[in-house]
Amino acid sequence: MKLDYNETIFFIGDSITDVDRNREDKKDLGKGYPLLTAAHLLESYPERHLTFINRGISGDKVVDLINRWKEDCIEIQPTVISLLIGINDIWHSIDKETCTIQESLDTFEFYYRILVQTAKEHTKAKIILIEPFVLKDPDEQSLWEAQLNPRLKIIRRLAKEYNADYLELADKFKEYGNKWGNHSITNDGVHPTLAGHSLISKTWLENLEMN
């Protein structure tokens, strides 16, 4: 993705994006990868006059973003939309025994597609889709990955369909966790440590092309 002058870079998602941001302060970027990414770009390219916004909300699923997409995203008219969502959908699918994997996947794709298509139709934003990740204990990991991996395929397919950038994180987190231990990069298998947020930010920045 190419980053131009006067871009408004918009981060949205769940707690992994939220990271204790002060929602009363519209300029607060929280304490995670949005802050790290903005800090690097503001220091490196002061002449670009970049603006950064964080609208992550802890606990959100894809459907929750649908309910606030117009106000929290479309009306802002960002020029870059960075979307990281999905881990809570997996969490709820695992807990909800009456919902089959296929039913939950169909619902996930339906709502995720609405987000991307609506952004395409009502903004001129470049879109970055970031895949969710999980690092659980071995006896839980396979259960979570049974829900995670099909969703990664959906996000990857939608990124290709809508010509959005796609950032891979699941394998990077697993590789880091295998080398240094899961708790070095996530606190609970889902929420990143500071090192985990740094890895997300590094991946985000590696995707850029500066003119």
N, C-alpha and C. Protein backbone atom coordinates (compact mmCIF):
# COMPACT_ATOMS: atom_id res chain seq x y z
N MET A 1 0.82 -1.19 0.00
CA MET A 1 0.00 0.00 0.00
C MET A 1 0.87 1.25 0.00
N LYS A 2 0.51 2.21 -0.81
CA LYS A 2 1.23 3.47 -0.86
C LYS A 2 0.58 4.48 0.07
N LEU A 3 1.39 5.17 0.83
CA LEU A 3 0.91 6.17 1.76
C LEU A 3 1.29 7.55 1.24
N ASP A 4 0.28 8.38 1.01
CA ASP A 4 0.51 9.69 0.42
C ASP A 4 0.46 10.79 1.48
N TYR A 5 0.37 12.02 1.04
CA TYR A 5 0.29 13.17 1.93
C TYR A 5 -1.14 13.33 2.46
N ASN A 6 -1.24 13.89 3.67
CA ASN A 6 -2.54 14.24 4.27
C ASN A 6 -3.48 13.04 4.41
N GLU A 7 -2.92 11.88 4.64
CA GLU A 7 -3.75 10.70 4.85
C GLU A 7 -4.38 10.73 6.24
N THR A 8 -5.61 10.22 6.33
CA THR A 8 -6.26 9.95 7.60
C THR A 8 -6.30 8.45 7.78
N ILE A 9 -5.48 7.96 8.69
CA ILE A 9 -5.31 6.51 8.89
C ILE A 9 -6.17 6.08 10.07
N PHE A 10 -7.06 5.16 9.78
CA PHE A 10 -8.14 4.80 10.70
C PHE A 10 -8.01 3.34 11.11
N PHE A 11 -7.84 3.12 12.42
CA PHE A 11 -7.76 1.76 12.96
C PHE A 11 -9.08 1.41 13.63
N ILE A 12 -9.60 0.21 13.35
CA ILE A 12 -10.85 -0.20 13.98
C ILE A 12 -10.81 -1.70 14.24
N GLY A 13 -11.52 -2.13 15.29
CA GLY A 13 -11.54 -3.54 15.64
C GLY A 13 -12.04 -3.73 17.06
N ASP A 14 -11.47 -4.72 17.73
CA ASP A 14 -11.90 -5.08 19.08
C ASP A 14 -10.85 -4.64 20.11
N SER A 15 -10.72 -5.41 21.21
CA SER A 15 -9.81 -5.02 22.28
C SER A 15 -8.35 -4.97 21.85
N ILE A 16 -7.99 -5.75 20.84
CA ILE A 16 -6.60 -5.77 20.37
C ILE A 16 -6.24 -4.43 19.75
N THR A 17 -7.24 -3.73 19.23
CA THR A 17 -7.04 -2.39 18.67
C THR A 17 -7.33 -1.31 19.72
N ASP A 18 -8.33 -1.56 20.53
CA ASP A 18 -8.74 -0.60 21.57
C ASP A 18 -7.61 -0.30 22.56
N VAL A 19 -7.16 -1.30 23.26
CA VAL A 19 -6.02 -1.23 24.20
C VAL A 19 -6.13 -0.02 25.14
N ASP A 20 -7.23 0.03 25.88
CA ASP A 20 -7.41 1.03 26.94
C ASP A 20 -7.41 2.47 26.45
N ARG A 21 -7.84 2.71 25.23
CA ARG A 21 -7.90 4.10 24.78
C ARG A 21 -8.99 4.85 25.55
N ASN A 22 -8.81 6.13 25.70
CA ASN A 22 -9.79 7.00 26.35
C ASN A 22 -10.83 7.40 25.32
N ARG A 23 -12.01 6.84 25.40
CA ARG A 23 -13.04 7.09 24.38
C ARG A 23 -13.61 8.50 24.44
N GLU A 24 -13.34 9.22 25.53
CA GLU A 24 -13.75 10.62 25.62
C GLU A 24 -12.81 11.52 24.83
N ASP A 25 -11.62 11.01 24.55
CA ASP A 25 -10.62 11.76 23.80
C ASP A 25 -10.49 11.16 22.40
N LYS A 26 -11.07 11.81 21.42
CA LYS A 26 -11.12 11.27 20.06
C LYS A 26 -9.73 11.12 19.44
N LYS A 27 -8.72 11.77 20.03
CA LYS A 27 -7.37 11.68 19.48
C LYS A 27 -6.54 10.59 20.15
N ASP A 28 -7.08 9.99 21.20
CA ASP A 28 -6.33 8.97 21.93
C ASP A 28 -6.23 7.69 21.10
N LEU A 29 -5.03 7.17 20.95
CA LEU A 29 -4.79 5.99 20.12
C LEU A 29 -4.65 4.71 20.94
N GLY A 30 -4.85 4.78 22.26
CA GLY A 30 -4.67 3.61 23.09
C GLY A 30 -3.20 3.33 23.36
N LYS A 31 -2.91 2.10 23.77
CA LYS A 31 -1.55 1.75 24.19
C LYS A 31 -0.98 0.59 23.39
N GLY A 32 -1.50 0.37 22.19
CA GLY A 32 -1.07 -0.78 21.41
C GLY A 32 -0.52 -0.44 20.04
N TYR A 33 -0.74 -1.33 19.09
CA TYR A 33 -0.14 -1.19 17.76
C TYR A 33 -0.55 0.08 17.02
N PRO A 34 -1.78 0.62 17.17
CA PRO A 34 -2.06 1.90 16.51
C PRO A 34 -1.13 3.02 16.98
N LEU A 35 -0.88 3.07 18.30
CA LEU A 35 0.03 4.09 18.84
C LEU A 35 1.44 3.88 18.33
N LEU A 36 1.92 2.65 18.34
CA LEU A 36 3.28 2.37 17.87
C LEU A 36 3.44 2.71 16.39
N THR A 37 2.43 2.37 15.62
CA THR A 37 2.48 2.64 14.17
C THR A 37 2.47 4.14 13.91
N ALA A 38 1.57 4.85 14.59
CA ALA A 38 1.49 6.30 14.40
C ALA A 38 2.78 6.98 14.83
N ALA A 39 3.35 6.55 15.95
CA ALA A 39 4.58 7.17 16.45
C ALA A 39 5.70 7.04 15.43
N HIS A 40 5.83 5.86 14.84
CA HIS A 40 6.89 5.65 13.85
C HIS A 40 6.67 6.53 12.63
N LEU A 41 5.45 6.57 12.11
CA LEU A 41 5.19 7.31 10.88
C LEU A 41 5.28 8.82 11.10
N LEU A 42 4.82 9.29 12.24
CA LEU A 42 4.89 10.73 12.52
C LEU A 42 6.34 11.19 12.66
N GLU A 43 7.17 10.35 13.27
CA GLU A 43 8.59 10.70 13.40
C GLU A 43 9.32 10.59 12.08
N SER A 44 8.97 9.60 11.28
CA SER A 44 9.70 9.33 10.04
C SER A 44 9.28 10.23 8.89
N TYR A 45 8.00 10.64 8.88
CA TYR A 45 7.48 11.41 7.74
C TYR A 45 6.68 12.61 8.22
N PRO A 46 7.32 13.55 8.92
CA PRO A 46 6.58 14.71 9.43
C PRO A 46 6.00 15.58 8.32
N GLU A 47 6.61 15.53 7.14
CA GLU A 47 6.14 16.36 6.03
C GLU A 47 4.84 15.83 5.42
N ARG A 48 4.45 14.61 5.79
CA ARG A 48 3.24 14.02 5.19
C ARG A 48 1.95 14.51 5.83
N HIS A 49 2.03 15.11 7.02
CA HIS A 49 0.84 15.63 7.71
C HIS A 49 -0.22 14.54 7.87
N LEU A 50 0.17 13.46 8.52
CA LEU A 50 -0.70 12.31 8.70
C LEU A 50 -1.58 12.48 9.94
N THR A 51 -2.80 11.98 9.85
CA THR A 51 -3.74 11.98 10.96
C THR A 51 -4.09 10.53 11.31
N PHE A 52 -4.19 10.23 12.61
CA PHE A 52 -4.46 8.86 13.04
C PHE A 52 -5.68 8.84 13.97
N ILE A 53 -6.52 7.86 13.76
CA ILE A 53 -7.75 7.69 14.55
C ILE A 53 -7.87 6.23 14.96
N ASN A 54 -8.28 6.01 16.20
CA ASN A 54 -8.53 4.65 16.70
C ASN A 54 -9.98 4.55 17.15
N ARG A 55 -10.70 3.58 16.60
CA ARG A 55 -12.07 3.33 17.01
C ARG A 55 -12.26 1.86 17.40
N GLY A 56 -11.23 1.23 17.94
CA GLY A 56 -11.38 -0.12 18.47
C GLY A 56 -12.22 -0.10 19.74
N ILE A 57 -13.07 -1.13 19.91
CA ILE A 57 -13.87 -1.26 21.12
C ILE A 57 -13.77 -2.70 21.61
N SER A 58 -13.35 -2.85 22.84
CA SER A 58 -13.15 -4.16 23.44
C SER A 58 -14.44 -4.98 23.40
N GLY A 59 -14.30 -6.25 23.03
CA GLY A 59 -15.44 -7.16 23.01
C GLY A 59 -16.19 -7.22 21.70
N ASP A 60 -15.89 -6.35 20.77
CA ASP A 60 -16.64 -6.31 19.52
C ASP A 60 -16.47 -7.57 18.67
N LYS A 61 -17.56 -7.99 18.08
CA LYS A 61 -17.56 -8.98 17.01
C LYS A 61 -17.81 -8.25 15.70
N VAL A 62 -17.80 -8.98 14.59
CA VAL A 62 -18.01 -8.34 13.29
C VAL A 62 -19.36 -7.64 13.25
N VAL A 63 -20.40 -8.27 13.79
CA VAL A 63 -21.73 -7.66 13.75
C VAL A 63 -21.77 -6.36 14.54
N ASP A 64 -20.97 -6.24 15.59
CA ASP A 64 -20.93 -5.00 16.37
C ASP A 64 -20.34 -3.86 15.55
N LEU A 65 -19.38 -4.17 14.69
CA LEU A 65 -18.84 -3.14 13.80
C LEU A 65 -19.90 -2.69 12.79
N ILE A 66 -20.72 -3.64 12.32
CA ILE A 66 -21.80 -3.28 11.41
C ILE A 66 -22.68 -2.21 12.05
N ASN A 67 -23.00 -2.40 13.32
CA ASN A 67 -23.94 -1.51 14.01
C ASN A 67 -23.39 -0.10 14.20
N ARG A 68 -22.06 0.06 14.16
CA ARG A 68 -21.49 1.40 14.35
C ARG A 68 -20.64 1.84 13.16
N TRP A 69 -20.70 1.11 12.06
CA TRP A 69 -19.83 1.35 10.91
C TRP A 69 -20.05 2.72 10.28
N LYS A 70 -21.31 3.13 10.15
CA LYS A 70 -21.61 4.41 9.51
C LYS A 70 -21.05 5.57 10.34
N GLU A 71 -21.37 5.58 11.63
CA GLU A 71 -20.95 6.70 12.48
C GLU A 71 -19.46 6.68 12.76
N ASP A 72 -18.94 5.49 13.07
CA ASP A 72 -17.55 5.39 13.52
C ASP A 72 -16.54 5.29 12.39
N CYS A 73 -16.99 5.01 11.18
CA CYS A 73 -16.06 4.87 10.06
C CYS A 73 -16.46 5.71 8.85
N ILE A 74 -17.60 5.41 8.25
CA ILE A 74 -17.97 6.04 6.98
C ILE A 74 -18.04 7.56 7.10
N GLU A 75 -18.66 8.06 8.17
CA GLU A 75 -18.83 9.51 8.31
C GLU A 75 -17.51 10.23 8.53
N ILE A 76 -16.49 9.52 9.00
CA ILE A 76 -15.17 10.12 9.19
C ILE A 76 -14.46 10.30 7.86
N GLN A 77 -14.80 9.46 6.88
CA GLN A 77 -14.17 9.49 5.55
C GLN A 77 -12.64 9.37 5.63
N PRO A 78 -12.16 8.31 6.25
CA PRO A 78 -10.71 8.11 6.29
C PRO A 78 -10.18 7.77 4.90
N THR A 79 -8.89 7.96 4.72
CA THR A 79 -8.28 7.58 3.44
C THR A 79 -7.59 6.22 3.53
N VAL A 80 -7.38 5.72 4.76
CA VAL A 80 -6.87 4.37 4.99
C VAL A 80 -7.70 3.75 6.10
N ILE A 81 -8.27 2.58 5.86
CA ILE A 81 -9.01 1.83 6.87
C ILE A 81 -8.24 0.56 7.19
N SER A 82 -7.85 0.41 8.45
CA SER A 82 -7.12 -0.76 8.92
C SER A 82 -8.03 -1.55 9.85
N LEU A 83 -8.43 -2.75 9.42
CA LEU A 83 -9.44 -3.54 10.13
C LEU A 83 -8.85 -4.83 10.68
N LEU A 84 -8.95 -4.98 12.00
CA LEU A 84 -8.55 -6.22 12.67
C LEU A 84 -9.70 -6.66 13.56
N ILE A 85 -10.41 -7.70 13.14
CA ILE A 85 -11.60 -8.17 13.85
C ILE A 85 -11.73 -9.68 13.63
N GLY A 86 -12.38 -10.35 14.58
CA GLY A 86 -12.68 -11.76 14.35
C GLY A 86 -12.47 -12.68 15.53
N ILE A 87 -11.61 -12.32 16.46
CA ILE A 87 -11.29 -13.27 17.54
C ILE A 87 -12.48 -13.46 18.46
N ASN A 88 -13.30 -12.44 18.65
CA ASN A 88 -14.48 -12.60 19.51
C ASN A 88 -15.56 -13.44 18.83
N ASP A 89 -15.62 -13.40 17.51
CA ASP A 89 -16.53 -14.28 16.79
C ASP A 89 -16.15 -15.74 17.03
N ILE A 90 -14.85 -16.01 17.05
CA ILE A 90 -14.37 -17.36 17.31
C ILE A 90 -14.71 -17.76 18.74
N TRP A 91 -14.44 -16.87 19.67
CA TRP A 91 -14.71 -17.12 21.09
C TRP A 91 -16.18 -17.51 21.31
N HIS A 92 -17.07 -16.73 20.71
CA HIS A 92 -18.50 -16.97 20.89
C HIS A 92 -18.95 -18.24 20.16
N SER A 93 -18.31 -18.56 19.04
CA SER A 93 -18.66 -19.78 18.32
C SER A 93 -18.28 -21.02 19.12
N ILE A 94 -17.14 -20.94 19.81
CA ILE A 94 -16.70 -22.07 20.63
C ILE A 94 -17.63 -22.26 21.82
N ASP A 95 -18.09 -21.14 22.40
CA ASP A 95 -18.95 -21.22 23.58
C ASP A 95 -20.39 -21.60 23.24
N LYS A 96 -20.82 -21.29 22.02
CA LYS A 96 -22.21 -21.50 21.63
C LYS A 96 -22.35 -22.86 20.98
N GLU A 97 -22.70 -23.86 21.77
CA GLU A 97 -22.72 -25.23 21.29
C GLU A 97 -23.79 -25.48 20.23
N THR A 98 -24.84 -24.65 20.21
CA THR A 98 -25.92 -24.88 19.26
C THR A 98 -25.59 -24.38 17.85
N CYS A 99 -24.49 -23.68 17.72
CA CYS A 99 -24.10 -23.11 16.42
C CYS A 99 -23.02 -23.96 15.79
N THR A 100 -23.28 -24.47 14.60
CA THR A 100 -22.28 -25.27 13.92
C THR A 100 -21.20 -24.38 13.36
N ILE A 101 -20.06 -24.97 13.05
CA ILE A 101 -18.96 -24.20 12.47
C ILE A 101 -19.40 -23.55 11.16
N GLN A 102 -20.09 -24.28 10.31
CA GLN A 102 -20.48 -23.73 9.02
C GLN A 102 -21.44 -22.57 9.17
N GLU A 103 -22.39 -22.69 10.10
CA GLU A 103 -23.32 -21.59 10.33
C GLU A 103 -22.58 -20.34 10.79
N SER A 104 -21.64 -20.52 11.71
CA SER A 104 -20.91 -19.36 12.22
C SER A 104 -20.02 -18.76 11.14
N LEU A 105 -19.46 -19.60 10.26
CA LEU A 105 -18.62 -19.10 9.18
C LEU A 105 -19.44 -18.31 8.17
N ASP A 106 -20.62 -18.80 7.83
CA ASP A 106 -21.47 -18.09 6.87
C ASP A 106 -21.87 -16.73 7.41
N THR A 107 -22.18 -16.67 8.70
CA THR A 107 -22.55 -15.40 9.32
C THR A 107 -21.35 -14.46 9.34
N PHE A 108 -20.19 -14.99 9.68
CA PHE A 108 -18.97 -14.19 9.71
C PHE A 108 -18.69 -13.57 8.34
N GLU A 109 -18.74 -14.37 7.30
CA GLU A 109 -18.46 -13.85 5.96
C GLU A 109 -19.51 -12.83 5.53
N PHE A 110 -20.75 -13.08 5.84
CA PHE A 110 -21.83 -12.17 5.46
C PHE A 110 -21.59 -10.77 6.03
N TYR A 111 -21.30 -10.69 7.33
CA TYR A 111 -21.10 -9.40 7.96
C TYR A 111 -19.76 -8.77 7.59
N TYR A 112 -18.73 -9.58 7.48
CA TYR A 112 -17.42 -9.04 7.10
C TYR A 112 -17.49 -8.44 5.70
N ARG A 113 -18.20 -9.11 4.82
CA ARG A 113 -18.34 -8.60 3.45
C ARG A 113 -19.06 -7.25 3.45
N ILE A 114 -20.08 -7.09 4.29
CA ILE A 114 -20.79 -5.82 4.37
C ILE A 114 -19.84 -4.70 4.76
N LEU A 115 -18.96 -4.96 5.73
CA LEU A 115 -18.00 -3.94 6.16
C LEU A 115 -17.14 -3.47 5.00
N VAL A 116 -16.55 -4.42 4.30
CA VAL A 116 -15.62 -4.07 3.23
C VAL A 116 -16.36 -3.43 2.05
N GLN A 117 -17.49 -4.00 1.68
CA GLN A 117 -18.23 -3.47 0.53
C GLN A 117 -18.74 -2.06 0.81
N THR A 118 -19.25 -1.84 2.02
CA THR A 118 -19.75 -0.51 2.37
C THR A 118 -18.62 0.52 2.38
N ALA A 119 -17.46 0.12 2.89
CA ALA A 119 -16.31 1.02 2.86
C ALA A 119 -15.91 1.36 1.43
N LYS A 120 -15.96 0.37 0.56
CA LYS A 120 -15.62 0.59 -0.85
C LYS A 120 -16.62 1.53 -1.52
N GLU A 121 -17.88 1.37 -1.19
CA GLU A 121 -18.94 2.13 -1.86
C GLU A 121 -19.03 3.57 -1.36
N HIS A 122 -18.69 3.81 -0.09
CA HIS A 122 -18.96 5.10 0.51
C HIS A 122 -17.72 5.87 0.95
N THR A 123 -16.55 5.33 0.70
CA THR A 123 -15.30 6.06 0.95
C THR A 123 -14.35 5.81 -0.22
N LYS A 124 -13.29 6.57 -0.24
CA LYS A 124 -12.22 6.35 -1.21
C LYS A 124 -11.00 5.73 -0.54
N ALA A 125 -11.24 5.10 0.60
CA ALA A 125 -10.14 4.61 1.43
C ALA A 125 -9.45 3.39 0.83
N LYS A 126 -8.15 3.36 1.05
CA LYS A 126 -7.39 2.12 0.87
C LYS A 126 -7.66 1.25 2.09
N ILE A 127 -7.86 -0.03 1.87
CA ILE A 127 -8.30 -0.90 2.95
C ILE A 127 -7.23 -1.95 3.26
N ILE A 128 -6.96 -2.12 4.55
CA ILE A 128 -6.03 -3.14 5.03
C ILE A 128 -6.81 -4.11 5.92
N LEU A 129 -6.83 -5.38 5.56
CA LEU A 129 -7.49 -6.41 6.36
C LEU A 129 -6.41 -7.21 7.09
N ILE A 130 -6.50 -7.24 8.40
CA ILE A 130 -5.49 -7.91 9.23
C ILE A 130 -6.10 -9.18 9.81
N GLU A 131 -5.40 -10.29 9.65
CA GLU A 131 -5.97 -11.54 10.13
C GLU A 131 -5.84 -11.67 11.65
N PRO A 132 -6.87 -12.22 12.31
CA PRO A 132 -6.78 -12.50 13.74
C PRO A 132 -5.84 -13.68 13.99
N PHE A 133 -5.51 -13.88 15.25
CA PHE A 133 -4.54 -14.91 15.62
C PHE A 133 -4.90 -15.45 16.99
N VAL A 134 -4.36 -16.59 17.34
CA VAL A 134 -4.59 -17.17 18.67
C VAL A 134 -3.42 -18.05 19.04
N LEU A 135 -3.03 -17.99 20.31
CA LEU A 135 -1.97 -18.85 20.85
C LEU A 135 -2.44 -19.41 22.18
N LYS A 136 -3.08 -20.55 22.15
CA LYS A 136 -3.59 -21.20 23.36
C LYS A 136 -2.69 -22.37 23.73
N ASP A 137 -2.97 -22.96 24.89
CA ASP A 137 -2.27 -24.18 25.28
C ASP A 137 -2.56 -25.27 24.26
N PRO A 138 -1.66 -26.24 24.11
CA PRO A 138 -1.82 -27.26 23.07
C PRO A 138 -3.17 -27.95 23.06
N ASP A 139 -3.77 -28.21 24.23
CA ASP A 139 -5.04 -28.92 24.27
C ASP A 139 -6.21 -28.04 23.81
N GLU A 140 -6.02 -26.72 23.77
CA GLU A 140 -7.06 -25.81 23.31
C GLU A 140 -6.80 -25.30 21.89
N GLN A 141 -5.55 -25.28 21.47
CA GLN A 141 -5.19 -24.64 20.22
C GLN A 141 -5.94 -25.23 19.02
N SER A 142 -6.05 -26.55 18.97
CA SER A 142 -6.70 -27.18 17.83
C SER A 142 -8.17 -26.80 17.76
N LEU A 143 -8.82 -26.66 18.92
CA LEU A 143 -10.22 -26.26 18.96
C LEU A 143 -10.39 -24.85 18.42
N TRP A 144 -9.52 -23.94 18.84
CA TRP A 144 -9.58 -22.56 18.35
C TRP A 144 -9.22 -22.47 16.87
N GLU A 145 -8.22 -23.22 16.45
CA GLU A 145 -7.80 -23.16 15.04
C GLU A 145 -8.86 -23.73 14.11
N ALA A 146 -9.69 -24.65 14.61
CA ALA A 146 -10.79 -25.16 13.80
C ALA A 146 -11.76 -24.04 13.43
N GLN A 147 -11.85 -23.02 14.28
CA GLN A 147 -12.67 -21.85 13.98
C GLN A 147 -11.86 -20.75 13.29
N LEU A 148 -10.59 -20.64 13.67
CA LEU A 148 -9.75 -19.56 13.13
C LEU A 148 -9.40 -19.76 11.66
N ASN A 149 -8.88 -20.92 11.31
CA ASN A 149 -8.33 -21.12 9.97
C ASN A 149 -9.34 -20.90 8.85
N PRO A 150 -10.58 -21.38 8.97
CA PRO A 150 -11.55 -21.07 7.90
C PRO A 150 -11.85 -19.58 7.79
N ARG A 151 -11.78 -18.87 8.91
CA ARG A 151 -12.01 -17.42 8.86
C ARG A 151 -10.85 -16.70 8.17
N LEU A 152 -9.65 -17.19 8.37
CA LEU A 152 -8.51 -16.60 7.67
C LEU A 152 -8.68 -16.74 6.16
N LYS A 153 -9.19 -17.87 5.73
CA LYS A 153 -9.43 -18.09 4.30
C LYS A 153 -10.49 -17.12 3.78
N ILE A 154 -11.50 -16.87 4.60
CA ILE A 154 -12.56 -15.93 4.20
C ILE A 154 -11.99 -14.53 4.05
N ILE A 155 -11.23 -14.09 5.05
CA ILE A 155 -10.67 -12.73 5.00
C ILE A 155 -9.71 -12.59 3.83
N ARG A 156 -8.90 -13.60 3.61
CA ARG A 156 -7.95 -13.57 2.50
C ARG A 156 -8.68 -13.50 1.16
N ARG A 157 -9.76 -14.25 1.05
CA ARG A 157 -10.54 -14.24 -0.20
C ARG A 157 -11.21 -12.88 -0.41
N LEU A 158 -11.75 -12.30 0.64
CA LEU A 158 -12.39 -10.99 0.52
C LEU A 158 -11.36 -9.90 0.20
N ALA A 159 -10.17 -10.01 0.77
CA ALA A 159 -9.12 -9.04 0.44
C ALA A 159 -8.80 -9.08 -1.04
N LYS A 160 -8.72 -10.26 -1.61
CA LYS A 160 -8.45 -10.40 -3.04
C LYS A 160 -9.61 -9.88 -3.86
N GLU A 161 -10.81 -10.22 -3.45
CA GLU A 161 -12.01 -9.82 -4.19
C GLU A 161 -12.17 -8.31 -4.24
N TYR A 162 -11.88 -7.64 -3.13
CA TYR A 162 -12.08 -6.19 -3.04
C TYR A 162 -10.78 -5.40 -3.19
N ASN A 163 -9.73 -6.07 -3.60
CA ASN A 163 -8.44 -5.41 -3.85
C ASN A 163 -7.95 -4.67 -2.61
N ALA A 164 -8.07 -5.34 -1.48
CA ALA A 164 -7.57 -4.79 -0.22
C ALA A 164 -6.23 -5.44 0.14
N ASP A 165 -5.43 -4.75 0.91
CA ASP A 165 -4.20 -5.34 1.41
C ASP A 165 -4.54 -6.36 2.50
N TYR A 166 -3.74 -7.41 2.59
CA TYR A 166 -3.98 -8.47 3.58
C TYR A 166 -2.71 -8.69 4.37
N LEU A 167 -2.81 -8.57 5.69
CA LEU A 167 -1.65 -8.74 6.55
C LEU A 167 -1.75 -10.05 7.32
N GLU A 168 -0.75 -10.90 7.18
CA GLU A 168 -0.71 -12.19 7.85
C GLU A 168 -0.08 -12.04 9.23
N LEU A 169 -0.79 -12.54 10.25
CA LEU A 169 -0.28 -12.47 11.62
C LEU A 169 -0.26 -13.81 12.32
N ALA A 170 -1.20 -14.70 11.99
CA ALA A 170 -1.36 -15.94 12.75
C ALA A 170 -0.07 -16.75 12.80
N ASP A 171 0.57 -16.95 11.64
CA ASP A 171 1.81 -17.73 11.61
C ASP A 171 2.95 -17.00 12.29
N LYS A 172 2.99 -15.66 12.16
CA LYS A 172 4.05 -14.89 12.81
C LYS A 172 3.96 -15.00 14.33
N PHE A 173 2.75 -14.94 14.85
CA PHE A 173 2.59 -15.09 16.30
C PHE A 173 2.96 -16.49 16.75
N LYS A 174 2.58 -17.50 15.97
CA LYS A 174 2.93 -18.88 16.33
C LYS A 174 4.44 -19.09 16.32
N GLU A 175 5.11 -18.56 15.31
CA GLU A 175 6.56 -18.72 15.21
C GLU A 175 7.25 -18.05 16.38
N TYR A 176 6.82 -16.86 16.74
CA TYR A 176 7.42 -16.15 17.87
C TYR A 176 7.14 -16.90 19.17
N GLY A 177 5.89 -17.36 19.32
CA GLY A 177 5.53 -18.09 20.53
C GLY A 177 6.28 -19.40 20.67
N ASN A 178 6.49 -20.09 19.55
CA ASN A 178 7.24 -21.35 19.60
C ASN A 178 8.68 -21.13 20.02
N LYS A 179 9.24 -19.98 19.64
CA LYS A 179 10.63 -19.70 19.94
C LYS A 179 10.82 -19.16 21.35
N TRP A 180 9.92 -18.25 21.77
CA TRP A 180 10.14 -17.53 23.02
C TRP A 180 9.08 -17.81 24.08
N GLY A 181 8.09 -18.62 23.73
CA GLY A 181 7.00 -18.90 24.67
C GLY A 181 5.80 -18.02 24.37
N ASN A 182 4.60 -18.61 24.44
CA ASN A 182 3.39 -17.86 24.11
C ASN A 182 3.21 -16.60 24.95
N HIS A 183 3.60 -16.67 26.23
CA HIS A 183 3.37 -15.52 27.11
C HIS A 183 4.33 -14.38 26.83
N SER A 184 5.30 -14.60 25.98
CA SER A 184 6.18 -13.50 25.58
C SER A 184 5.48 -12.57 24.59
N ILE A 185 4.44 -13.08 23.93
CA ILE A 185 3.80 -12.29 22.86
C ILE A 185 2.30 -12.11 23.06
N THR A 186 1.66 -12.97 23.89
CA THR A 186 0.26 -12.75 24.27
C THR A 186 0.11 -12.99 25.76
N ASN A 187 -0.80 -12.23 26.36
CA ASN A 187 -1.04 -12.39 27.79
C ASN A 187 -1.89 -13.61 28.11
N ASP A 188 -2.81 -13.93 27.20
CA ASP A 188 -3.77 -15.00 27.45
C ASP A 188 -4.07 -15.84 26.21
N GLY A 189 -3.22 -15.72 25.21
CA GLY A 189 -3.45 -16.42 23.96
C GLY A 189 -4.17 -15.58 22.94
N VAL A 190 -4.72 -14.45 23.37
CA VAL A 190 -5.51 -13.58 22.48
C VAL A 190 -4.98 -12.14 22.50
N HIS A 191 -4.79 -11.59 23.70
CA HIS A 191 -4.40 -10.19 23.81
C HIS A 191 -2.87 -10.06 23.80
N PRO A 192 -2.34 -9.27 22.87
CA PRO A 192 -0.88 -9.17 22.73
C PRO A 192 -0.22 -8.48 23.92
N THR A 193 0.99 -8.92 24.21
CA THR A 193 1.88 -8.16 25.08
C THR A 193 2.40 -6.96 24.29
N LEU A 194 3.24 -6.15 24.92
CA LEU A 194 3.86 -5.04 24.19
C LEU A 194 4.66 -5.57 23.01
N ALA A 195 5.34 -6.70 23.19
CA ALA A 195 6.07 -7.31 22.08
C ALA A 195 5.12 -7.72 20.97
N GLY A 196 3.94 -8.23 21.33
CA GLY A 196 2.95 -8.61 20.33
C GLY A 196 2.44 -7.42 19.55
N HIS A 197 2.18 -6.32 20.24
CA HIS A 197 1.75 -5.10 19.55
C HIS A 197 2.85 -4.59 18.63
N SER A 198 4.09 -4.73 19.07
CA SER A 198 5.20 -4.32 18.22
C SER A 198 5.25 -5.16 16.95
N LEU A 199 4.98 -6.45 17.07
CA LEU A 199 4.97 -7.33 15.90
C LEU A 199 3.87 -6.93 14.92
N ILE A 200 2.69 -6.60 15.45
CA ILE A 200 1.60 -6.14 14.57
C ILE A 200 2.00 -4.86 13.86
N SER A 201 2.54 -3.91 14.62
CA SER A 201 2.95 -2.63 14.04
C SER A 201 4.04 -2.83 12.98
N LYS A 202 5.00 -3.68 13.28
CA LYS A 202 6.08 -3.96 12.32
C LYS A 202 5.52 -4.54 11.03
N THR A 203 4.59 -5.47 11.16
CA THR A 203 3.96 -6.07 9.97
C THR A 203 3.19 -5.01 9.19
N TRP A 204 2.49 -4.14 9.90
CA TRP A 204 1.73 -3.05 9.26
C TRP A 204 2.67 -2.12 8.47
N LEU A 205 3.77 -1.76 9.10
CA LEU A 205 4.69 -0.82 8.48
C LEU A 205 5.43 -1.45 7.29
N GLU A 206 5.70 -2.74 7.37
CA GLU A 206 6.38 -3.44 6.27
C GLU A 206 5.51 -3.48 5.02
N ASN A 207 4.21 -3.28 5.18
CA ASN A 207 3.29 -3.32 4.05
C ASN A 207 3.27 -2.01 3.27
N LEU A 208 3.90 -0.97 3.80
CA LEU A 208 3.82 0.35 3.19
C LEU A 208 4.83 0.53 2.06
N GLU A 209 4.41 1.37 1.12
CA GLU A 209 5.32 1.90 0.09
C GLU A 209 5.23 3.41 0.16
N MET A 210 6.33 4.06 0.46
CA MET A 210 6.33 5.52 0.55
C MET A 210 6.80 6.12 -0.76
N ASN A 211 6.02 7.05 -1.29
CA ASN A 211 6.39 7.71 -2.55
C ASN A 211 7.58 8.64 -2.35
